[in-house]
Amino acid sequence: MTRPTLAAFAALFALAAASAAAAEPVTVTLQTPLAAKVRVIAGGAAFQCEAAVCVAAQPGSRTFAAATCHDLAKAVGPITAFQVPSKALDARKLDQCNAGATSPAQLANR
């Protein structure tokens, strides 16, 4: 194989790896279970929420982010875990995520 061919294969492999990482489902654990099923759009993905779990089965490249967690917390209340199979938001980012989260009392009044 020539160097340009090897470089092309390496670039293709890197692109495939990046796509695979972006496709990992994002799973969220809520502090307070929801009374009904909810669908929330955040971070370019649809989160299906039921009881104390929300899942984005087809996340985009910007779905696993503290900003997405924050937007979701404003819609469904405080979040105790925000993760993909290979990583999770740390405690500091979860604190940022939950700043301004909708309280369980506010959710009950909707």
N, C-alpha and C. Protein backbone atom coordinates (compact mmCIF):
# COMPACT_ATOMS: atom_id res chain seq x y z
N MET A 1 0.84 -1.19 0.00
CA MET A 1 0.00 0.00 0.00
C MET A 1 0.87 1.24 0.00
N THR A 2 0.39 2.24 -0.66
CA THR A 2 1.13 3.49 -0.70
C THR A 2 0.71 4.37 0.47
N ARG A 3 1.51 5.37 0.73
CA ARG A 3 1.19 6.27 1.85
C ARG A 3 -0.15 6.98 1.66
N PRO A 4 -0.47 7.50 0.46
CA PRO A 4 -1.79 8.14 0.31
C PRO A 4 -2.94 7.18 0.60
N THR A 5 -2.78 5.91 0.23
CA THR A 5 -3.83 4.93 0.49
C THR A 5 -3.97 4.68 1.98
N LEU A 6 -2.83 4.55 2.67
CA LEU A 6 -2.87 4.37 4.12
C LEU A 6 -3.50 5.58 4.81
N ALA A 7 -3.16 6.77 4.35
CA ALA A 7 -3.73 7.98 4.93
C ALA A 7 -5.25 8.02 4.71
N ALA A 8 -5.69 7.60 3.55
CA ALA A 8 -7.13 7.58 3.27
C ALA A 8 -7.84 6.60 4.18
N PHE A 9 -7.26 5.41 4.38
CA PHE A 9 -7.86 4.43 5.29
C PHE A 9 -7.90 4.95 6.72
N ALA A 10 -6.83 5.62 7.14
CA ALA A 10 -6.78 6.16 8.50
C ALA A 10 -7.85 7.23 8.69
N ALA A 11 -8.04 8.08 7.70
CA ALA A 11 -9.05 9.13 7.78
C ALA A 11 -10.45 8.52 7.82
N LEU A 12 -10.68 7.51 7.00
CA LEU A 12 -11.97 6.85 6.98
C LEU A 12 -12.27 6.18 8.32
N PHE A 13 -11.26 5.54 8.91
CA PHE A 13 -11.42 4.89 10.21
C PHE A 13 -11.74 5.92 11.28
N ALA A 14 -11.06 7.05 11.28
CA ALA A 14 -11.30 8.11 12.27
C ALA A 14 -12.72 8.66 12.14
N LEU A 15 -13.19 8.83 10.92
CA LEU A 15 -14.54 9.32 10.69
C LEU A 15 -15.57 8.31 11.20
N ALA A 16 -15.34 7.03 10.93
CA ALA A 16 -16.26 5.99 11.40
C ALA A 16 -16.28 5.93 12.93
N ALA A 17 -15.14 6.08 13.56
CA ALA A 17 -15.07 6.05 15.03
C ALA A 17 -15.83 7.23 15.63
N ALA A 18 -15.70 8.40 15.03
CA ALA A 18 -16.40 9.58 15.52
C ALA A 18 -17.91 9.41 15.37
N SER A 19 -18.34 8.84 14.27
CA SER A 19 -19.77 8.61 14.06
C SER A 19 -20.31 7.61 15.07
N ALA A 20 -19.56 6.57 15.37
CA ALA A 20 -19.99 5.57 16.33
C ALA A 20 -20.14 6.17 17.72
N ALA A 21 -19.21 7.03 18.11
CA ALA A 21 -19.27 7.66 19.43
C ALA A 21 -20.49 8.56 19.54
N ALA A 22 -20.81 9.28 18.48
CA ALA A 22 -21.96 10.18 18.51
C ALA A 22 -23.27 9.40 18.56
N ALA A 23 -23.26 8.16 18.13
CA ALA A 23 -24.48 7.38 18.06
C ALA A 23 -24.82 6.65 19.37
N GLU A 24 -23.97 6.75 20.38
CA GLU A 24 -24.26 6.09 21.65
C GLU A 24 -25.49 6.73 22.28
N PRO A 25 -26.46 5.94 22.75
CA PRO A 25 -27.64 6.53 23.38
C PRO A 25 -27.27 7.30 24.65
N VAL A 26 -27.94 8.40 24.85
CA VAL A 26 -27.75 9.20 26.06
C VAL A 26 -28.86 8.82 27.03
N THR A 27 -28.47 8.41 28.23
CA THR A 27 -29.42 8.00 29.26
C THR A 27 -29.34 8.98 30.43
N VAL A 28 -30.50 9.40 30.88
CA VAL A 28 -30.60 10.40 31.94
C VAL A 28 -31.45 9.84 33.07
N THR A 29 -30.98 10.02 34.30
CA THR A 29 -31.75 9.61 35.47
C THR A 29 -32.27 10.87 36.16
N LEU A 30 -33.56 10.91 36.41
CA LEU A 30 -34.19 12.07 37.03
C LEU A 30 -34.28 11.89 38.54
N GLN A 31 -34.19 13.00 39.25
CA GLN A 31 -34.31 12.97 40.71
C GLN A 31 -35.72 12.56 41.13
N THR A 32 -36.72 13.05 40.40
CA THR A 32 -38.11 12.78 40.72
C THR A 32 -38.80 12.17 39.50
N PRO A 33 -39.42 11.01 39.66
CA PRO A 33 -40.11 10.39 38.52
C PRO A 33 -41.22 11.28 37.97
N LEU A 34 -41.43 11.22 36.69
CA LEU A 34 -42.49 11.98 36.04
C LEU A 34 -43.82 11.23 36.17
N ALA A 35 -44.91 11.97 36.20
CA ALA A 35 -46.23 11.36 36.32
C ALA A 35 -46.72 10.78 34.99
N ALA A 36 -46.20 11.31 33.88
CA ALA A 36 -46.63 10.85 32.56
C ALA A 36 -45.44 10.84 31.61
N LYS A 37 -45.58 10.10 30.52
CA LYS A 37 -44.52 10.08 29.50
C LYS A 37 -44.40 11.46 28.87
N VAL A 38 -43.16 11.85 28.58
CA VAL A 38 -42.87 13.16 28.00
C VAL A 38 -41.82 12.99 26.91
N ARG A 39 -41.95 13.76 25.85
CA ARG A 39 -40.92 13.81 24.80
C ARG A 39 -40.36 15.22 24.80
N VAL A 40 -39.04 15.32 24.94
CA VAL A 40 -38.36 16.62 25.01
C VAL A 40 -37.27 16.66 23.95
N ILE A 41 -37.19 17.76 23.21
CA ILE A 41 -36.11 17.96 22.24
C ILE A 41 -35.05 18.80 22.93
N ALA A 42 -33.83 18.29 22.99
CA ALA A 42 -32.70 19.01 23.59
C ALA A 42 -31.41 18.52 22.94
N GLY A 43 -30.49 19.42 22.69
CA GLY A 43 -29.21 19.03 22.11
C GLY A 43 -29.32 18.36 20.76
N GLY A 44 -30.35 18.71 20.02
CA GLY A 44 -30.52 18.14 18.69
C GLY A 44 -31.05 16.72 18.67
N ALA A 45 -31.61 16.27 19.80
CA ALA A 45 -32.13 14.90 19.86
C ALA A 45 -33.47 14.88 20.60
N ALA A 46 -34.24 13.84 20.33
CA ALA A 46 -35.51 13.64 21.03
C ALA A 46 -35.28 12.71 22.21
N PHE A 47 -35.58 13.19 23.40
CA PHE A 47 -35.49 12.39 24.62
C PHE A 47 -36.89 11.87 24.93
N GLN A 48 -37.00 10.57 25.10
CA GLN A 48 -38.25 9.94 25.53
C GLN A 48 -38.12 9.73 27.04
N CYS A 49 -39.00 10.35 27.80
CA CYS A 49 -38.92 10.28 29.25
C CYS A 49 -40.12 9.55 29.82
N GLU A 50 -39.84 8.64 30.74
CA GLU A 50 -40.89 7.89 31.42
C GLU A 50 -40.39 7.57 32.82
N ALA A 51 -41.25 7.82 33.81
CA ALA A 51 -40.88 7.62 35.21
C ALA A 51 -39.62 8.43 35.51
N ALA A 52 -38.53 7.81 35.92
CA ALA A 52 -37.32 8.53 36.31
C ALA A 52 -36.19 8.39 35.29
N VAL A 53 -36.53 8.03 34.04
CA VAL A 53 -35.49 7.84 33.02
C VAL A 53 -35.88 8.53 31.72
N CYS A 54 -34.89 9.19 31.11
CA CYS A 54 -35.04 9.76 29.77
C CYS A 54 -33.94 9.16 28.90
N VAL A 55 -34.27 8.84 27.65
CA VAL A 55 -33.29 8.26 26.74
C VAL A 55 -33.38 8.96 25.38
N ALA A 56 -32.23 9.35 24.86
CA ALA A 56 -32.11 9.82 23.48
C ALA A 56 -31.45 8.68 22.72
N ALA A 57 -32.24 7.89 22.03
CA ALA A 57 -31.73 6.70 21.34
C ALA A 57 -30.92 7.06 20.10
N GLN A 58 -31.20 8.21 19.50
CA GLN A 58 -30.48 8.64 18.31
C GLN A 58 -29.91 10.04 18.51
N PRO A 59 -28.90 10.15 19.38
CA PRO A 59 -28.34 11.46 19.68
C PRO A 59 -27.52 12.01 18.52
N GLY A 60 -27.38 13.32 18.52
CA GLY A 60 -26.51 13.97 17.55
C GLY A 60 -25.15 14.24 18.17
N SER A 61 -24.32 14.92 17.43
CA SER A 61 -22.96 15.19 17.90
C SER A 61 -22.92 16.15 19.08
N ARG A 62 -23.98 16.91 19.32
CA ARG A 62 -23.99 17.87 20.44
C ARG A 62 -24.94 17.46 21.56
N THR A 63 -25.43 16.22 21.52
CA THR A 63 -26.40 15.79 22.53
C THR A 63 -25.76 15.53 23.89
N PHE A 64 -24.58 14.89 23.91
CA PHE A 64 -23.91 14.63 25.18
C PHE A 64 -23.12 15.88 25.57
N ALA A 65 -23.81 16.81 26.25
CA ALA A 65 -23.19 18.07 26.64
C ALA A 65 -23.90 18.64 27.86
N ALA A 66 -23.18 19.41 28.64
CA ALA A 66 -23.77 20.03 29.83
C ALA A 66 -24.92 20.95 29.46
N ALA A 67 -24.82 21.63 28.33
CA ALA A 67 -25.90 22.53 27.90
C ALA A 67 -27.18 21.75 27.60
N THR A 68 -27.05 20.58 27.01
CA THR A 68 -28.22 19.73 26.75
C THR A 68 -28.83 19.27 28.06
N CYS A 69 -27.99 18.87 28.99
CA CYS A 69 -28.44 18.44 30.31
C CYS A 69 -29.23 19.58 30.97
N HIS A 70 -28.71 20.79 30.88
CA HIS A 70 -29.36 21.97 31.47
C HIS A 70 -30.74 22.20 30.84
N ASP A 71 -30.81 22.14 29.51
CA ASP A 71 -32.09 22.33 28.82
C ASP A 71 -33.10 21.25 29.24
N LEU A 72 -32.63 20.03 29.36
CA LEU A 72 -33.50 18.93 29.77
C LEU A 72 -33.99 19.12 31.21
N ALA A 73 -33.09 19.55 32.10
CA ALA A 73 -33.45 19.78 33.51
C ALA A 73 -34.50 20.88 33.64
N LYS A 74 -34.45 21.88 32.77
CA LYS A 74 -35.47 22.93 32.80
C LYS A 74 -36.84 22.36 32.39
N ALA A 75 -36.83 21.30 31.57
CA ALA A 75 -38.08 20.72 31.10
C ALA A 75 -38.64 19.64 32.02
N VAL A 76 -37.76 18.83 32.63
CA VAL A 76 -38.23 17.66 33.38
C VAL A 76 -37.78 17.61 34.84
N GLY A 77 -37.04 18.60 35.30
CA GLY A 77 -36.61 18.62 36.69
C GLY A 77 -35.18 18.17 36.90
N PRO A 78 -34.73 18.20 38.15
CA PRO A 78 -33.33 17.88 38.46
C PRO A 78 -32.89 16.50 37.96
N ILE A 79 -31.64 16.45 37.52
CA ILE A 79 -31.04 15.25 36.93
C ILE A 79 -29.94 14.74 37.85
N THR A 80 -29.95 13.44 38.12
CA THR A 80 -28.91 12.84 38.98
C THR A 80 -27.83 12.12 38.18
N ALA A 81 -28.10 11.78 36.92
CA ALA A 81 -27.08 11.15 36.06
C ALA A 81 -27.38 11.48 34.61
N PHE A 82 -26.32 11.79 33.86
CA PHE A 82 -26.42 12.12 32.43
C PHE A 82 -25.24 11.40 31.79
N GLN A 83 -25.51 10.36 31.00
CA GLN A 83 -24.40 9.51 30.55
C GLN A 83 -24.67 8.83 29.21
N VAL A 84 -23.57 8.40 28.61
CA VAL A 84 -23.55 7.47 27.49
C VAL A 84 -22.80 6.24 28.01
N PRO A 85 -22.84 5.12 27.29
CA PRO A 85 -22.18 3.93 27.81
C PRO A 85 -20.69 4.12 28.17
N SER A 86 -20.01 5.04 27.48
CA SER A 86 -18.57 5.18 27.70
C SER A 86 -18.16 6.30 28.66
N LYS A 87 -19.11 7.18 29.07
CA LYS A 87 -18.74 8.28 29.97
C LYS A 87 -19.99 8.91 30.58
N ALA A 88 -19.77 9.73 31.61
CA ALA A 88 -20.87 10.41 32.30
C ALA A 88 -20.42 11.81 32.70
N LEU A 89 -21.40 12.71 32.87
CA LEU A 89 -21.07 14.03 33.38
C LEU A 89 -20.65 13.89 34.84
N ASP A 90 -19.61 14.64 35.23
CA ASP A 90 -19.15 14.59 36.62
C ASP A 90 -20.05 15.46 37.50
N ALA A 91 -19.81 15.41 38.81
CA ALA A 91 -20.66 16.11 39.78
C ALA A 91 -20.71 17.62 39.53
N ARG A 92 -19.58 18.21 39.18
CA ARG A 92 -19.53 19.66 38.92
C ARG A 92 -20.43 20.02 37.74
N LYS A 93 -20.35 19.24 36.67
CA LYS A 93 -21.18 19.52 35.50
C LYS A 93 -22.65 19.24 35.77
N LEU A 94 -22.93 18.24 36.61
CA LEU A 94 -24.33 17.99 36.99
C LEU A 94 -24.89 19.16 37.80
N ASP A 95 -24.07 19.76 38.66
CA ASP A 95 -24.50 20.94 39.41
C ASP A 95 -24.84 22.07 38.45
N GLN A 96 -23.99 22.29 37.45
CA GLN A 96 -24.26 23.32 36.43
C GLN A 96 -25.54 22.98 35.66
N CYS A 97 -25.69 21.71 35.34
CA CYS A 97 -26.85 21.22 34.62
C CYS A 97 -28.13 21.56 35.36
N ASN A 98 -28.13 21.35 36.67
CA ASN A 98 -29.34 21.52 37.47
C ASN A 98 -29.61 22.95 37.91
N ALA A 99 -28.71 23.88 37.63
CA ALA A 99 -28.94 25.28 37.96
C ALA A 99 -30.14 25.77 37.16
N GLY A 100 -31.18 26.16 37.85
CA GLY A 100 -32.38 26.64 37.16
C GLY A 100 -33.32 25.52 36.72
N ALA A 101 -33.09 24.31 37.22
CA ALA A 101 -33.97 23.19 36.87
C ALA A 101 -35.38 23.45 37.40
N THR A 102 -36.35 22.92 36.69
CA THR A 102 -37.73 23.02 37.13
C THR A 102 -37.90 22.16 38.38
N SER A 103 -38.54 22.71 39.41
CA SER A 103 -38.72 21.95 40.65
C SER A 103 -39.84 20.92 40.48
N PRO A 104 -39.79 19.86 41.28
CA PRO A 104 -40.87 18.86 41.23
C PRO A 104 -42.25 19.48 41.46
N ALA A 105 -42.35 20.49 42.33
CA ALA A 105 -43.64 21.17 42.58
C ALA A 105 -44.12 21.88 41.32
N GLN A 106 -43.21 22.52 40.60
CA GLN A 106 -43.59 23.20 39.36
C GLN A 106 -44.06 22.18 38.32
N LEU A 107 -43.39 21.03 38.26
CA LEU A 107 -43.79 19.99 37.31
C LEU A 107 -45.20 19.48 37.63
N ALA A 108 -45.51 19.35 38.92
CA ALA A 108 -46.81 18.83 39.33
C ALA A 108 -47.94 19.78 38.94
N ASN A 109 -47.63 21.07 38.84
CA ASN A 109 -48.65 22.07 38.50
C ASN A 109 -48.84 22.26 37.00
N ARG A 110 -48.15 21.50 36.19
CA ARG A 110 -48.28 21.65 34.74
C ARG A 110 -49.48 20.91 34.22
